[in-house]
């Protein structure tokens, strides 16, 4: 995929997924083990998001 618009769409989908994980973690009765899983998934998603941002920047001729 070399279209920046497609990458941006992937980024927004990823952010929506991360938001869902964050909302899920806000329940007061979460076991600590589940919070660890959610935290790991959020961190992994943010890392993927950073990579996608760098790809968009590169494809658009930015400086990242």
C-alpha atoms as a PDB file:
ATOM      1  CA  UNK A   1       0.000   0.000   0.000  1.00  0.00           C
ATOM      2  CA  UNK A   2       1.614   3.259  -1.089  1.00  0.00           C
ATOM      3  CA  UNK A   3      -1.313   5.689  -0.844  1.00  0.00           C
ATOM      4  CA  UNK A   4      -1.058   8.042   2.139  1.00  0.00           C
ATOM      5  CA  UNK A   5      -4.862   8.297   2.316  1.00  0.00           C
ATOM      6  CA  UNK A   6      -5.136   4.525   2.731  1.00  0.00           C
ATOM      7  CA  UNK A   7      -2.527   4.604   5.476  1.00  0.00           C
ATOM      8  CA  UNK A   8      -4.391   7.427   7.186  1.00  0.00           C
ATOM      9  CA  UNK A   9      -7.572   5.350   7.061  1.00  0.00           C
ATOM     10  CA  UNK A  10      -5.665   2.459   8.693  1.00  0.00           C
ATOM     11  CA  UNK A  11      -4.416   4.863  11.356  1.00  0.00           C
ATOM     12  CA  UNK A  12      -7.900   6.116  12.186  1.00  0.00           C
ATOM     13  CA  UNK A  13      -9.225   2.543  12.378  1.00  0.00           C
ATOM     14  CA  UNK A  14      -6.386   1.661  14.746  1.00  0.00           C
ATOM     15  CA  UNK A  15      -7.134   4.683  16.921  1.00  0.00           C
ATOM     16  CA  UNK A  16     -10.784   3.641  17.112  1.00  0.00           C
ATOM     17  CA  UNK A  17      -9.696   0.178  18.246  1.00  0.00           C
ATOM     18  CA  UNK A  18      -7.394   1.679  20.877  1.00  0.00           C
ATOM     19  CA  UNK A  19     -10.212   3.885  22.082  1.00  0.00           C
ATOM     20  CA  UNK A  20     -12.401   0.798  22.500  1.00  0.00           C
ATOM     21  CA  UNK A  21      -9.736  -0.831  24.636  1.00  0.00           C
ATOM     22  CA  UNK A  22      -9.453   2.287  26.772  1.00  0.00           C
ATOM     23  CA  UNK A  23     -13.200   2.412  27.314  1.00  0.00           C
ATOM     24  CA  UNK A  24     -13.244  -1.276  28.229  1.00  0.00           C
ATOM     25  CA  UNK A  25     -10.559  -0.665  30.842  1.00  0.00           C
ATOM     26  CA  UNK A  26     -12.566   2.040  32.588  1.00  0.00           C
ATOM     27  CA  UNK A  27     -14.901  -0.432  34.260  1.00  0.00           C
ATOM     28  CA  UNK A  28     -14.259  -0.357  37.991  1.00  0.00           C
ATOM     29  CA  UNK A  29     -14.477  -4.135  38.434  1.00  0.00           C
ATOM     30  CA  UNK A  30     -11.661  -5.130  36.066  1.00  0.00           C
ATOM     31  CA  UNK A  31      -9.319  -7.836  37.349  1.00  0.00           C
ATOM     32  CA  UNK A  32      -5.688  -6.752  37.352  1.00  0.00           C
ATOM     33  CA  UNK A  33      -4.815  -9.482  34.846  1.00  0.00           C
ATOM     34  CA  UNK A  34      -7.314  -8.066  32.347  1.00  0.00           C
ATOM     35  CA  UNK A  35      -5.948  -4.548  32.833  1.00  0.00           C
ATOM     36  CA  UNK A  36      -2.460  -5.874  32.045  1.00  0.00           C
ATOM     37  CA  UNK A  37      -3.766  -7.369  28.807  1.00  0.00           C
ATOM     38  CA  UNK A  38      -5.572  -4.163  27.862  1.00  0.00           C
ATOM     39  CA  UNK A  39      -2.499  -2.092  28.688  1.00  0.00           C
ATOM     40  CA  UNK A  40      -0.312  -4.314  26.521  1.00  0.00           C
ATOM     41  CA  UNK A  41      -2.784  -4.133  23.639  1.00  0.00           C
ATOM     42  CA  UNK A  42      -2.950  -0.348  23.900  1.00  0.00           C
ATOM     43  CA  UNK A  43       0.863  -0.063  23.940  1.00  0.00           C
ATOM     44  CA  UNK A  44       1.168  -2.350  20.914  1.00  0.00           C
ATOM     45  CA  UNK A  45      -1.476  -0.327  19.087  1.00  0.00           C
ATOM     46  CA  UNK A  46       0.311   2.927  19.837  1.00  0.00           C
ATOM     47  CA  UNK A  47       3.556   1.481  18.491  1.00  0.00           C
ATOM     48  CA  UNK A  48       1.781   0.406  15.294  1.00  0.00           C
ATOM     49  CA  UNK A  49       0.268   3.885  15.089  1.00  0.00           C
ATOM     50  CA  UNK A  50       3.683   5.488  15.386  1.00  0.00           C
ATOM     51  CA  UNK A  51       4.939   3.336  12.512  1.00  0.00           C
ATOM     52  CA  UNK A  52       1.957   4.245  10.354  1.00  0.00           C
ATOM     53  CA  UNK A  53       2.509   7.954  11.089  1.00  0.00           C
ATOM     54  CA  UNK A  54       6.133   7.625  10.007  1.00  0.00           C
ATOM     55  CA  UNK A  55       5.045   5.899   6.777  1.00  0.00           C
ATOM     56  CA  UNK A  56       2.538   8.668   6.033  1.00  0.00           C
ATOM     57  CA  UNK A  57       5.172  11.293   6.729  1.00  0.00           C
ATOM     58  CA  UNK A  58       7.660   9.564   4.446  1.00  0.00           C
ATOM     59  CA  UNK A  59       5.135   9.118   1.634  1.00  0.00           C
ATOM     60  CA  UNK A  60       4.126  12.795   1.863  1.00  0.00           C
ATOM     61  CA  UNK A  61       7.735  13.996   1.876  1.00  0.00           C
ATOM     62  CA  UNK A  62       7.818  15.013   5.530  1.00  0.00           C
ATOM     63  CA  UNK A  63      10.779  15.013   7.869  1.00  0.00           C
ATOM     64  CA  UNK A  64      10.064  12.251  10.428  1.00  0.00           C
END
